[in-house]
């Protein structure tokens, strides 16, 4: 993976933001060596094919779609079925909208064998899915300038957004790749059966601009005839899109690891705030039963993950200016990102981000009704302010200080903006690429919680090192008090190291002449990016159960066959007339 290729894909993906869901991932594109820059003549060709249609705004639009596809992408008309050549089953009648959805064009598979008439259908098949099996991509051409994401009745009586209509058609006929255009923009939609949809929107004006060359490069790279038919099958567009989804399980594990790192950063941020504020609330939480301190910090991270997911899915009023400016998690991160660029050396002395997050948590729990901003109260345990009061700066034992007098006496912990910026950066970016929460499945969000179970916050009283793979903090004294004859076995049990590694570490410890040399030996297998804990510092330590059982994310490729095997006999017994209850 070369830096040049990574930067190429980061650039065009950044320019077409916001994208929706996961369509392609940078590692998959780099592995397939997809980087391709187009000659200046290609952009001139775009200008010729897309004349200015509005002299005031100088907005351009595609003059003729088949001509555009052939000239820009090499997708000539002989590669498509259209009109009467389209199978009747490649359409969908929507009863609730009284509209029949039909694609404009259907890109044929070169090696497709059309199914014979008749024959038994499997439980997973429908006539539409059989019809769709002969096609790589459907194209829907809308009236010029018709918004893709606003409800309309121009294309039919169903008052629904064109993008949502097309998504439903793609899923029904089991053709996961769609190209939707209103002549002003072209949207690549990926809607694999049983998974969430993703899309990338290429705007004609942006591709025609001088600074839009990277977008045009990507457009041709992804959608040209070469990408469908003239490269190795594993590098063709359907394979790139599918492989990007398969790697999503790895994304889940990587996200869980970064959430853990964010948890450690947040702990140190609260520790510094308690020292700065002269507050005893953190110490009270550390002494409380049921891992109260760890539970509170973990709750903050889970709240943020859920909110990022909800904002990316449009489940919160992210378009409302008041929410965007004063409450949004993504909005806060962008503000902190700007601040870090302008004031990189003073982020640890800037404050206000934590107060804003506390306000957001309260708003989600209690609801907001201000002018035309309406956020219904969610309640529930996750955002309950009474669950972990130290997060908001008040002591346990009483109810949440909603009344004005008690609220005025509360001092929210002074967690600095630098801490919150680093925490959010761990949640928003993954491998240098902005993470699309909307493309994550709900069970993947749950797996992040699974990864963080079984840990505790405890104080170390001597210098300690954090050892991989189980993130166990050990002091020199703990190691030295073990008999030399069983030290290797103890290290293996305590840290999760392989037997050979534990024996090698035990030998290095045996040769050490002082506690400092013991720590130096331990740090040869320390967790990457961790530093030595100072005496009296709070650390996150795995409990005994965590060390014994561990946990991991189970991908859908393993769970789906189990669910299918379990449900198929029940569905078969219900017959074809089954209806959801």
Protein backbone atom coordinates (compact mmCIF):
# COMPACT_ATOMS: atom_id res chain seq x y z
CA UNK A 1 0.00 0.00 0.00
CA UNK A 2 1.79 3.14 -1.21
CA UNK A 3 1.27 6.59 0.27
CA UNK A 4 0.63 8.00 -3.22
CA UNK A 5 -2.27 5.62 -3.86
CA UNK A 6 -3.74 6.18 -0.39
CA UNK A 7 -3.61 9.96 -0.84
CA UNK A 8 -5.23 9.66 -4.27
CA UNK A 9 -8.26 7.84 -2.85
CA UNK A 10 -8.41 9.96 0.29
CA UNK A 11 -8.52 13.08 -1.89
CA UNK A 12 -11.45 12.15 -4.12
CA UNK A 13 -13.40 10.51 -1.30
CA UNK A 14 -12.96 13.69 0.73
CA UNK A 15 -14.09 15.91 -2.15
CA UNK A 16 -17.39 14.09 -2.74
CA UNK A 17 -18.39 14.17 0.94
CA UNK A 18 -20.86 13.71 2.37
CA UNK A 19 -21.20 10.16 1.10
CA UNK A 20 -23.81 7.80 2.52
CA UNK A 21 -22.85 4.45 3.98
CA UNK A 22 -19.97 2.24 2.89
CA UNK A 23 -19.46 1.85 -0.86
CA UNK A 24 -15.72 1.37 -1.34
CA UNK A 25 -12.88 1.28 1.17
CA UNK A 26 -9.43 2.67 0.55
CA UNK A 27 -7.53 -0.55 1.41
CA UNK A 28 -9.60 -2.51 -1.14
CA UNK A 29 -9.02 0.10 -3.86
CA UNK A 30 -5.29 0.21 -3.13
CA UNK A 31 -4.96 -3.59 -3.14
CA UNK A 32 -6.65 -3.67 -6.56
CA UNK A 33 -4.31 -0.91 -7.84
CA UNK A 34 -7.26 1.18 -8.96
CA UNK A 35 -5.51 4.55 -9.05
CA UNK A 36 -5.91 6.07 -12.51
CA UNK A 37 -5.61 9.71 -13.52
CA UNK A 38 -7.40 10.84 -16.67
CA UNK A 39 -5.94 12.94 -19.48
CA UNK A 40 -7.06 16.61 -19.77
CA UNK A 41 -9.01 15.61 -22.90
CA UNK A 42 -11.40 13.57 -20.73
CA UNK A 43 -12.48 16.68 -18.84
CA UNK A 44 -12.88 18.57 -22.12
CA UNK A 45 -15.08 15.73 -23.33
CA UNK A 46 -17.20 16.12 -20.19
CA UNK A 47 -17.68 19.83 -20.96
CA UNK A 48 -18.82 19.00 -24.50
CA UNK A 49 -21.27 16.34 -23.29
CA UNK A 50 -22.63 18.48 -20.44
CA UNK A 51 -23.44 21.98 -21.72
CA UNK A 52 -24.45 24.88 -19.49
CA UNK A 53 -28.23 24.77 -18.96
CA UNK A 54 -28.57 27.75 -16.61
CA UNK A 55 -26.72 30.90 -17.75
CA UNK A 56 -27.13 32.56 -14.35
CA UNK A 57 -25.60 29.79 -12.26
CA UNK A 58 -23.58 28.29 -15.15
CA UNK A 59 -24.83 24.88 -14.02
CA UNK A 60 -24.17 22.02 -16.41
CA UNK A 61 -26.26 18.95 -17.18
CA UNK A 62 -25.88 15.77 -19.22
CA UNK A 63 -27.33 16.36 -22.69
CA UNK A 64 -27.99 12.72 -23.61
CA UNK A 65 -27.46 9.89 -21.12
CA UNK A 66 -26.63 7.02 -23.54
CA UNK A 67 -24.19 9.31 -25.36
CA UNK A 68 -22.64 10.33 -22.01
CA UNK A 69 -22.22 6.73 -20.83
CA UNK A 70 -20.67 5.69 -24.12
CA UNK A 71 -18.27 8.62 -24.52
CA UNK A 72 -17.18 9.03 -20.89
CA UNK A 73 -17.24 5.43 -19.67
CA UNK A 74 -17.19 3.26 -22.78
CA UNK A 75 -20.56 1.78 -21.78
CA UNK A 76 -22.08 1.62 -25.24
CA UNK A 77 -25.75 0.92 -25.91
CA UNK A 78 -25.11 -2.70 -27.03
CA UNK A 79 -24.07 -3.54 -23.44
CA UNK A 80 -27.50 -2.60 -22.07
CA UNK A 81 -31.06 -3.78 -22.26
CA UNK A 82 -33.68 -1.05 -22.35
CA UNK A 83 -37.34 -0.53 -23.14
CA UNK A 84 -39.10 -3.67 -24.37
CA UNK A 85 -35.88 -5.71 -24.09
CA UNK A 86 -36.06 -5.45 -20.29
CA UNK A 87 -37.61 -8.54 -18.65
CA UNK A 88 -41.05 -7.86 -17.16
CA UNK A 89 -39.84 -9.23 -13.82
CA UNK A 90 -37.15 -6.54 -13.65
CA UNK A 91 -39.80 -4.13 -12.35
CA UNK A 92 -41.64 -3.63 -9.09
CA UNK A 93 -45.19 -2.53 -8.43
CA UNK A 94 -45.46 -0.71 -5.09
CA UNK A 95 -49.02 -1.14 -3.78
CA UNK A 96 -48.85 1.60 -1.16
CA UNK A 97 -47.67 4.11 -3.77
CA UNK A 98 -49.60 2.70 -6.75
CA UNK A 99 -46.48 3.09 -8.88
CA UNK A 100 -44.49 0.61 -10.97
CA UNK A 101 -40.72 1.07 -10.73
CA UNK A 102 -38.80 0.25 -13.92
CA UNK A 103 -35.11 0.88 -14.67
CA UNK A 104 -34.13 2.91 -17.72
CA UNK A 105 -31.17 0.67 -18.61
CA UNK A 106 -29.80 -2.64 -17.37
CA UNK A 107 -26.12 -3.49 -17.87
CA UNK A 108 -25.89 -7.12 -18.98
CA UNK A 109 -23.48 -9.70 -17.65
CA UNK A 110 -21.39 -10.96 -20.55
CA UNK A 111 -21.42 -14.54 -19.28
CA UNK A 112 -25.00 -14.48 -17.99
CA UNK A 113 -27.26 -17.43 -18.81
CA UNK A 114 -30.91 -16.45 -18.65
CA UNK A 115 -32.95 -18.90 -16.53
CA UNK A 116 -35.33 -21.14 -18.38
CA UNK A 117 -39.03 -20.50 -18.12
CA UNK A 118 -40.69 -22.37 -15.28
CA UNK A 119 -38.77 -24.55 -12.85
CA UNK A 120 -38.96 -24.59 -9.08
CA UNK A 121 -37.91 -21.51 -7.13
CA UNK A 122 -35.81 -21.83 -4.00
CA UNK A 123 -36.89 -20.11 -0.79
CA UNK A 124 -34.39 -17.29 -1.50
CA UNK A 125 -35.48 -16.79 -5.12
CA UNK A 126 -38.27 -14.79 -6.70
CA UNK A 127 -39.00 -14.28 -10.41
CA UNK A 128 -37.52 -10.79 -10.00
CA UNK A 129 -34.32 -12.06 -8.41
CA UNK A 130 -33.94 -14.57 -11.23
CA UNK A 131 -34.44 -11.80 -13.78
CA UNK A 132 -31.92 -9.63 -11.96
CA UNK A 133 -29.29 -12.37 -11.95
CA UNK A 134 -28.41 -11.58 -15.56
CA UNK A 135 -27.44 -7.97 -14.88
CA UNK A 136 -24.51 -6.16 -13.28
CA UNK A 137 -26.08 -2.74 -12.82
CA UNK A 138 -29.38 -0.91 -13.26
CA UNK A 139 -29.58 2.70 -14.43
CA UNK A 140 -32.45 5.08 -13.69
CA UNK A 141 -32.63 8.34 -15.64
CA UNK A 142 -34.77 11.00 -13.93
CA UNK A 143 -36.18 14.24 -15.30
CA UNK A 144 -33.56 16.99 -15.47
CA UNK A 145 -32.81 18.53 -12.06
CA UNK A 146 -35.31 16.42 -10.06
CA UNK A 147 -33.87 16.22 -6.50
CA UNK A 148 -32.69 12.72 -5.66
CA UNK A 149 -33.58 12.80 -1.97
CA UNK A 150 -36.85 14.77 -1.80
CA UNK A 151 -40.28 13.16 -2.04
CA UNK A 152 -41.85 13.65 -5.48
CA UNK A 153 -44.74 12.54 -7.66
CA UNK A 154 -43.17 13.51 -10.98
CA UNK A 155 -42.05 9.96 -11.82
CA UNK A 156 -45.27 8.40 -10.53
CA UNK A 157 -47.97 8.66 -7.89
CA UNK A 158 -45.80 7.36 -5.03
CA UNK A 159 -44.84 10.43 -2.96
CA UNK A 160 -41.35 9.23 -2.06
CA UNK A 161 -37.73 10.27 -2.83
CA UNK A 162 -36.36 8.89 -6.14
CA UNK A 163 -33.24 7.50 -4.41
CA UNK A 164 -35.40 5.53 -1.95
CA UNK A 165 -37.61 4.24 -4.78
CA UNK A 166 -34.58 3.08 -6.75
CA UNK A 167 -33.05 1.45 -3.66
CA UNK A 168 -36.23 -0.57 -3.19
CA UNK A 169 -36.18 -1.70 -6.81
CA UNK A 170 -32.52 -2.77 -6.59
CA UNK A 171 -33.22 -4.86 -3.49
CA UNK A 172 -36.32 -6.45 -4.98
CA UNK A 173 -34.61 -7.65 -8.16
CA UNK A 174 -31.36 -8.46 -6.28
CA UNK A 175 -29.15 -6.24 -8.46
CA UNK A 176 -27.02 -4.52 -5.82
CA UNK A 177 -25.40 -1.86 -8.05
CA UNK A 178 -27.41 1.09 -9.30
CA UNK A 179 -26.65 4.30 -11.17
CA UNK A 180 -29.16 7.09 -10.52
CA UNK A 181 -29.00 10.42 -12.32
CA UNK A 182 -31.02 13.61 -12.70
CA UNK A 183 -28.57 14.83 -15.38
CA UNK A 184 -26.98 17.26 -12.86
CA UNK A 185 -25.42 14.52 -10.74
CA UNK A 186 -24.77 10.80 -11.00
CA UNK A 187 -25.12 8.63 -7.90
CA UNK A 188 -23.55 5.20 -7.53
CA UNK A 189 -25.72 3.14 -5.16
CA UNK A 190 -24.68 -0.13 -3.55
CA UNK A 191 -27.59 -2.01 -1.97
CA UNK A 192 -26.60 -5.65 -1.33
CA UNK A 193 -29.43 -7.91 -0.24
CA UNK A 194 -29.81 -8.04 3.54
CA UNK A 195 -27.35 -5.21 4.20
CA UNK A 196 -27.49 -1.44 4.53
CA UNK A 197 -27.17 0.76 1.45
CA UNK A 198 -24.31 3.07 0.55
CA UNK A 199 -23.92 5.72 -2.13
CA UNK A 200 -21.40 8.06 -3.74
CA UNK A 201 -22.66 11.13 -5.60
CA UNK A 202 -20.66 12.59 -8.49
CA UNK A 203 -21.83 16.12 -9.37
CA UNK A 204 -21.35 17.25 -12.97
CA UNK A 205 -20.40 20.83 -12.01
CA UNK A 206 -17.74 19.59 -9.61
CA UNK A 207 -16.23 17.21 -12.17
CA UNK A 208 -16.20 20.02 -14.74
CA UNK A 209 -14.34 22.43 -12.44
CA UNK A 210 -10.55 22.76 -12.43
CA UNK A 211 -10.36 21.51 -8.84
CA UNK A 212 -12.69 18.61 -9.61
CA UNK A 213 -10.25 16.55 -11.63
CA UNK A 214 -9.77 13.99 -8.79
CA UNK A 215 -13.56 13.43 -8.70
CA UNK A 216 -13.65 12.91 -12.48
CA UNK A 217 -10.66 10.54 -12.19
CA UNK A 218 -12.55 8.46 -9.63
CA UNK A 219 -15.79 8.52 -11.63
CA UNK A 220 -14.12 7.04 -14.71
CA UNK A 221 -11.95 4.69 -12.63
CA UNK A 222 -14.97 3.11 -10.91
CA UNK A 223 -17.61 3.08 -13.64
CA UNK A 224 -15.77 2.64 -16.94
CA UNK A 225 -16.37 -0.40 -19.13
CA UNK A 226 -12.87 -1.55 -18.18
CA UNK A 227 -13.83 -1.79 -14.50
CA UNK A 228 -16.77 -4.03 -15.40
CA UNK A 229 -15.27 -6.29 -18.06
CA UNK A 230 -11.54 -5.78 -18.77
CA UNK A 231 -9.76 -6.38 -15.47
CA UNK A 232 -9.38 -9.51 -13.38
CA UNK A 233 -12.70 -10.59 -11.85
CA UNK A 234 -11.50 -9.84 -8.32
CA UNK A 235 -10.74 -6.26 -9.41
CA UNK A 236 -14.06 -5.63 -11.16
CA UNK A 237 -16.52 -3.21 -9.58
CA UNK A 238 -18.89 -5.84 -8.09
CA UNK A 239 -15.92 -7.54 -6.40
CA UNK A 240 -14.53 -4.23 -5.08
CA UNK A 241 -17.86 -3.32 -3.53
CA UNK A 242 -18.41 -6.77 -2.02
CA UNK A 243 -14.85 -6.96 -0.68
CA UNK A 244 -15.25 -3.55 0.96
CA UNK A 245 -18.27 -4.92 2.84
CA UNK A 246 -16.47 -8.13 3.82
CA UNK A 247 -13.73 -6.08 5.41
CA UNK A 248 -16.34 -4.37 7.56
CA UNK A 249 -15.85 -7.04 10.24
CA UNK A 250 -12.21 -5.94 10.46
CA UNK A 251 -13.46 -2.37 10.77
CA UNK A 252 -15.49 -3.46 13.78
CA UNK A 253 -12.46 -4.92 15.54
CA UNK A 254 -10.34 -1.89 14.68
CA UNK A 255 -13.08 0.46 15.90
CA UNK A 256 -13.35 -1.48 19.17
CA UNK A 257 -9.58 -1.13 19.66
CA UNK A 258 -9.74 2.61 19.03
CA UNK A 259 -12.69 2.95 21.40
CA UNK A 260 -10.55 1.27 24.04
CA UNK A 261 -7.75 3.76 23.38
CA UNK A 262 -10.31 6.58 23.63
CA UNK A 263 -11.44 5.14 26.97
CA UNK A 264 -7.89 5.35 28.31
CA UNK A 265 -7.57 8.95 27.06
CA UNK A 266 -10.87 9.87 28.72
CA UNK A 267 -9.76 8.35 32.05
CA UNK A 268 -6.60 10.48 32.05
CA UNK A 269 -8.69 13.52 31.08
CA UNK A 270 -11.00 13.05 34.07
CA UNK A 271 -8.01 12.37 36.31
CA UNK A 272 -6.39 15.66 35.25
CA UNK A 273 -9.71 17.50 35.68
CA UNK A 274 -10.16 16.18 39.23
CA UNK A 275 -6.68 17.39 40.14
CA UNK A 276 -7.30 20.76 38.49
CA UNK A 277 -10.73 21.19 40.14
CA UNK A 278 -9.68 19.89 43.56
CA UNK A 279 -12.65 17.52 43.32
CA UNK A 280 -13.06 14.25 45.22
CA UNK A 281 -15.84 12.94 42.97
CA UNK A 282 -13.50 10.83 40.84
CA UNK A 283 -11.97 9.24 43.93
CA UNK A 284 -15.45 8.52 45.29
CA UNK A 285 -16.38 6.87 42.00
CA UNK A 286 -13.16 4.81 42.05
CA UNK A 287 -13.97 3.52 45.58
CA UNK A 288 -17.62 2.78 44.79
CA UNK A 289 -18.81 -0.77 44.20
CA UNK A 290 -19.70 -2.37 40.87
CA UNK A 291 -16.84 -0.72 38.96
CA UNK A 292 -18.70 2.59 39.09
CA UNK A 293 -15.85 4.63 37.62
CA UNK A 294 -15.21 2.27 34.71
CA UNK A 295 -18.95 1.97 34.06
CA UNK A 296 -19.28 5.75 33.84
CA UNK A 297 -16.40 6.18 31.42
CA UNK A 298 -17.60 3.28 29.29
CA UNK A 299 -21.08 4.83 29.22
CA UNK A 300 -19.64 8.07 27.82
CA UNK A 301 -17.96 6.20 24.96
CA UNK A 302 -21.08 4.14 24.21
CA UNK A 303 -23.21 7.29 24.23
CA UNK A 304 -20.86 8.85 21.69
CA UNK A 305 -20.83 5.76 19.46
CA UNK A 306 -24.64 5.57 19.52
CA UNK A 307 -24.97 9.30 18.79
CA UNK A 308 -22.48 9.17 15.91
CA UNK A 309 -24.44 6.25 14.48
CA UNK A 310 -27.75 8.07 14.94
CA UNK A 311 -26.43 11.28 13.36
CA UNK A 312 -24.94 9.41 10.39
CA UNK A 313 -28.25 7.57 9.92
CA UNK A 314 -30.26 10.81 10.07
CA UNK A 315 -32.09 9.70 13.22
CA UNK A 316 -31.32 13.02 14.91
CA UNK A 317 -32.12 16.52 13.51
CA UNK A 318 -28.63 17.02 12.08
CA UNK A 319 -29.88 19.46 9.42
CA UNK A 320 -31.32 21.86 12.00
CA UNK A 321 -28.92 24.82 12.47
CA UNK A 322 -29.45 24.92 16.25
CA UNK A 323 -28.68 21.22 16.67
CA UNK A 324 -25.72 21.39 14.30
CA UNK A 325 -24.14 24.39 16.01
CA UNK A 326 -24.77 23.59 19.67
CA UNK A 327 -25.41 19.84 20.08
CA UNK A 328 -24.14 17.68 17.20
CA UNK A 329 -21.23 15.33 17.99
CA UNK A 330 -19.93 15.56 14.41
CA UNK A 331 -20.33 19.33 14.61
CA UNK A 332 -18.34 19.43 17.84
CA UNK A 333 -15.57 17.33 16.32
CA UNK A 334 -15.29 19.62 13.31
CA UNK A 335 -15.05 22.62 15.63
CA UNK A 336 -12.36 20.94 17.75
CA UNK A 337 -10.53 19.96 14.57
CA UNK A 338 -10.43 23.61 13.50
CA UNK A 339 -9.30 24.68 16.98
CA UNK A 340 -6.53 22.08 16.98
CA UNK A 341 -5.30 23.41 13.65
CA UNK A 342 -5.26 27.01 14.90
CA UNK A 343 -4.13 26.40 18.50
CA UNK A 344 -2.25 23.07 18.56
CA UNK A 345 -0.22 23.92 21.66
CA UNK A 346 -3.07 25.14 23.85
CA UNK A 347 -5.79 22.49 23.42
CA UNK A 348 -5.08 21.15 26.91
CA UNK A 349 -5.87 24.62 28.28
CA UNK A 350 -9.10 25.13 26.35
CA UNK A 351 -12.48 24.11 27.78
CA UNK A 352 -16.14 23.89 26.83
CA UNK A 353 -16.40 20.68 24.79
CA UNK A 354 -17.30 18.51 27.78
CA UNK A 355 -20.00 20.94 28.90
CA UNK A 356 -21.50 20.75 25.41
CA UNK A 357 -21.51 16.95 25.50
CA UNK A 358 -23.19 16.94 28.90
CA UNK A 359 -25.86 19.26 27.46
CA UNK A 360 -26.33 16.87 24.52
CA UNK A 361 -26.65 13.85 26.82
CA UNK A 362 -29.29 15.72 28.83
CA UNK A 363 -31.10 16.77 25.66
CA UNK A 364 -31.30 13.18 24.42
CA UNK A 365 -32.53 11.97 27.81
CA UNK A 366 -35.02 14.74 28.63
CA UNK A 367 -35.87 15.98 25.13
CA UNK A 368 -35.78 19.45 23.58
CA UNK A 369 -38.64 21.66 22.38
CA UNK A 370 -37.27 25.01 21.28
CA UNK A 371 -38.95 26.91 18.43
CA UNK A 372 -38.97 24.43 15.54
CA UNK A 373 -36.34 22.12 17.07
CA UNK A 374 -38.04 19.07 18.53
CA UNK A 375 -36.08 16.22 20.08
CA UNK A 376 -38.32 13.73 21.90
CA UNK A 377 -37.16 12.44 25.32
CA UNK A 378 -35.47 9.06 24.94
CA UNK A 379 -35.04 8.22 28.63
CA UNK A 380 -33.49 4.78 29.03
CA UNK A 381 -30.47 3.73 31.09
CA UNK A 382 -27.73 4.73 28.65
CA UNK A 383 -28.35 8.50 28.95
CA UNK A 384 -29.73 8.51 32.51
CA UNK A 385 -27.88 11.34 34.37
CA UNK A 386 -28.59 9.64 37.71
CA UNK A 387 -26.61 6.54 36.74
CA UNK A 388 -23.12 8.13 36.90
CA UNK A 389 -23.45 11.57 38.52
CA UNK A 390 -19.67 12.16 38.73
CA UNK A 391 -19.71 12.70 34.96
CA UNK A 392 -21.72 15.89 35.49
CA UNK A 393 -20.02 17.04 38.67
CA UNK A 394 -22.41 16.06 41.43
CA UNK A 395 -22.19 13.42 44.11
CA UNK A 396 -24.04 10.12 44.33
CA UNK A 397 -26.85 9.63 46.80
CA UNK A 398 -29.36 12.11 45.46
CA UNK A 399 -31.46 12.73 42.40
CA UNK A 400 -30.27 14.63 39.36
CA UNK A 401 -30.14 18.39 40.06
CA UNK A 402 -32.73 19.54 37.55
CA UNK A 403 -33.98 22.38 39.76
CA UNK A 404 -32.31 25.77 39.21
CA UNK A 405 -30.82 26.23 42.69
CA UNK A 406 -29.09 22.87 42.89
CA UNK A 407 -28.01 23.04 39.24
CA UNK A 408 -26.30 26.40 39.84
CA UNK A 409 -24.13 24.81 42.54
CA UNK A 410 -22.86 22.08 40.22
CA UNK A 411 -19.42 22.45 38.63
CA UNK A 412 -19.04 20.24 35.58
CA UNK A 413 -15.60 18.51 35.55
CA UNK A 414 -13.08 20.61 33.61
CA UNK A 415 -12.19 17.94 31.06
CA UNK A 416 -10.05 19.83 28.54
CA UNK A 417 -10.80 20.18 24.84
CA UNK A 418 -7.57 18.40 23.89
CA UNK A 419 -8.80 15.25 25.62
CA UNK A 420 -12.20 15.40 23.91
CA UNK A 421 -10.60 16.06 20.53
CA UNK A 422 -8.40 12.97 20.85
CA UNK A 423 -11.36 10.89 22.05
CA UNK A 424 -13.56 11.94 19.13
CA UNK A 425 -10.72 11.53 16.64
CA UNK A 426 -10.44 7.88 17.71
CA UNK A 427 -14.16 7.47 17.04
CA UNK A 428 -14.49 9.42 13.79
CA UNK A 429 -11.37 8.35 11.85
CA UNK A 430 -10.19 4.82 11.17
CA UNK A 431 -6.97 4.19 9.26
CA UNK A 432 -6.84 7.78 8.08
CA UNK A 433 -10.35 7.55 6.58
CA UNK A 434 -13.52 9.02 8.04
CA UNK A 435 -15.60 6.16 9.40
CA UNK A 436 -19.11 5.75 8.00
CA UNK A 437 -21.26 4.81 10.97
CA UNK A 438 -24.31 4.54 8.72
CA UNK A 439 -22.70 1.50 7.05
CA UNK A 440 -22.25 -0.36 10.34
CA UNK A 441 -24.79 -2.97 11.33
CA UNK A 442 -26.46 -2.69 14.73
CA UNK A 443 -24.79 -5.90 15.92
CA UNK A 444 -21.41 -4.39 15.05
CA UNK A 445 -22.11 -1.47 17.37
CA UNK A 446 -22.94 -4.05 20.06
CA UNK A 447 -19.65 -5.81 19.43
CA UNK A 448 -17.80 -2.65 20.44
CA UNK A 449 -19.39 -2.98 23.87
CA UNK A 450 -18.48 -6.67 23.91
CA UNK A 451 -14.84 -5.76 23.32
CA UNK A 452 -14.83 -3.47 26.38
CA UNK A 453 -16.45 -5.84 28.87
CA UNK A 454 -14.62 -7.26 31.85
CA UNK A 455 -12.25 -4.37 32.63
CA UNK A 456 -11.85 -2.36 35.83
CA UNK A 457 -10.22 0.90 36.86
CA UNK A 458 -7.61 0.47 39.55
CA UNK A 459 -4.76 2.50 41.00
CA UNK A 460 -1.15 1.33 40.71
CA UNK A 461 1.22 2.27 43.52
CA UNK A 462 4.52 1.57 41.76
CA UNK A 463 5.63 2.23 38.19
CA UNK A 464 3.92 -0.28 35.87
CA UNK A 465 4.03 -1.40 32.24
CA UNK A 466 1.05 -2.47 30.09
CA UNK A 467 1.73 -5.83 28.44
CA UNK A 468 0.18 -7.27 25.30
CA UNK A 469 -1.94 -9.05 24.28
CA UNK A 470 -4.39 -8.68 27.20
CA UNK A 471 -3.43 -5.12 28.30
CA UNK A 472 -2.40 -6.24 31.78
CA UNK A 473 -0.53 -3.69 33.90
CA UNK A 474 2.32 -5.23 35.88
CA UNK A 475 4.79 -3.74 38.33
CA UNK A 476 8.33 -4.98 38.87
CA UNK A 477 7.41 -5.99 42.43
CA UNK A 478 4.55 -8.22 41.24
CA UNK A 479 6.87 -10.07 38.86
CA UNK A 480 9.79 -10.44 41.27
CA UNK A 481 7.70 -11.89 44.07
CA UNK A 482 6.91 -14.91 41.87
CA UNK A 483 9.34 -17.85 42.37
CA UNK A 484 11.86 -18.02 39.53
CA UNK A 485 10.86 -21.62 38.80
CA UNK A 486 7.28 -20.70 37.86
CA UNK A 487 7.74 -17.12 36.69
CA UNK A 488 7.36 -18.02 32.99
CA UNK A 489 4.10 -19.87 33.60
CA UNK A 490 2.80 -17.00 35.78
CA UNK A 491 3.63 -14.44 33.08
CA UNK A 492 1.86 -16.56 30.50
CA UNK A 493 -1.28 -16.83 32.63
CA UNK A 494 -1.25 -13.18 33.71
CA UNK A 495 -0.65 -11.59 30.32
CA UNK A 496 -1.93 -14.02 27.69
CA UNK A 497 1.50 -14.29 26.06
CA UNK A 498 2.41 -17.37 24.09
CA UNK A 499 4.52 -19.90 25.98
CA UNK A 500 7.73 -19.12 24.06
CA UNK A 501 7.29 -15.38 24.59
CA UNK A 502 6.59 -15.84 28.29
CA UNK A 503 9.71 -17.97 28.72
CA UNK A 504 11.84 -15.41 26.87
CA UNK A 505 10.43 -12.60 29.02
CA UNK A 506 11.02 -14.61 32.21
CA UNK A 507 14.65 -15.12 31.22
CA UNK A 508 15.07 -11.37 30.63
CA UNK A 509 13.53 -10.62 34.02
CA UNK A 510 15.81 -13.21 35.65
CA UNK A 511 18.85 -11.40 34.29
CA UNK A 512 17.64 -7.99 35.53
CA UNK A 513 19.51 -6.58 38.54
CA UNK A 514 17.00 -3.92 39.65
CA UNK A 515 13.28 -3.08 39.49
CA UNK A 516 14.08 -0.53 36.78
CA UNK A 517 15.70 -3.24 34.64
CA UNK A 518 12.71 -5.51 35.26
CA UNK A 519 10.38 -2.78 33.94
CA UNK A 520 12.65 -2.27 30.95
CA UNK A 521 12.39 -6.02 30.22
CA UNK A 522 8.59 -5.92 30.56
CA UNK A 523 8.36 -3.00 28.16
CA UNK A 524 9.78 -5.13 25.35
CA UNK A 525 6.26 -6.65 25.09
CA UNK A 526 4.27 -3.58 26.09
CA UNK A 527 1.11 -2.55 24.28
CA UNK A 528 1.97 -0.17 21.45
CA UNK A 529 1.47 3.55 22.17
CA UNK A 530 1.27 3.09 25.95
CA UNK A 531 3.65 4.72 28.38
CA UNK A 532 4.81 3.60 31.81
CA UNK A 533 2.23 4.29 34.53
CA UNK A 534 3.47 6.52 37.35
CA UNK A 535 2.86 5.65 41.05
CA UNK A 536 -0.68 6.53 42.08
CA UNK A 537 -2.05 6.60 38.51
CA UNK A 538 -5.42 5.10 37.57
CA UNK A 539 -5.24 2.43 34.87
CA UNK A 540 -7.71 0.18 33.06
CA UNK A 541 -7.03 -3.40 34.06
CA UNK A 542 -8.69 -6.58 32.72
CA UNK A 543 -10.41 -8.70 35.36
CA UNK A 544 -9.82 -12.41 35.82
CA UNK A 545 -12.90 -13.36 33.80
CA UNK A 546 -11.80 -11.16 30.93
CA UNK A 547 -8.38 -12.80 30.87
CA UNK A 548 -9.91 -16.28 30.83
CA UNK A 549 -12.66 -15.83 28.26
CA UNK A 550 -11.77 -12.81 26.08
CA UNK A 551 -14.30 -11.86 23.38
CA UNK A 552 -14.46 -11.18 19.67
CA UNK A 553 -16.82 -9.99 16.98
CA UNK A 554 -18.65 -12.75 15.14
CA UNK A 555 -19.13 -11.65 11.50
CA UNK A 556 -22.44 -12.01 9.69
CA UNK A 557 -20.84 -14.57 7.35
CA UNK A 558 -20.83 -16.98 10.32
CA UNK A 559 -24.08 -15.99 12.04
CA UNK A 560 -26.27 -15.72 8.91
CA UNK A 561 -26.05 -19.45 7.98
CA UNK A 562 -26.97 -20.41 11.56
CA UNK A 563 -30.01 -18.13 11.54
CA UNK A 564 -31.01 -19.34 8.07
CA UNK A 565 -30.68 -23.01 9.07
CA UNK A 566 -32.80 -22.36 12.16
CA UNK A 567 -35.58 -20.43 10.42
CA UNK A 568 -35.86 -22.24 7.08
CA UNK A 569 -37.93 -25.20 8.46
CA UNK A 570 -40.29 -22.79 10.20
CA UNK A 571 -40.75 -20.67 7.09
CA UNK A 572 -41.26 -23.76 4.94
CA UNK A 573 -43.98 -25.00 7.32
CA UNK A 574 -45.78 -21.65 7.03
CA UNK A 575 -45.98 -21.97 3.23
CA UNK A 576 -45.93 -19.28 0.58
CA UNK A 577 -48.84 -17.38 2.14
CA UNK A 578 -46.78 -16.43 5.19
CA UNK A 579 -47.06 -12.85 6.38
CA UNK A 580 -45.08 -10.98 9.06
CA UNK A 581 -47.06 -10.85 12.29
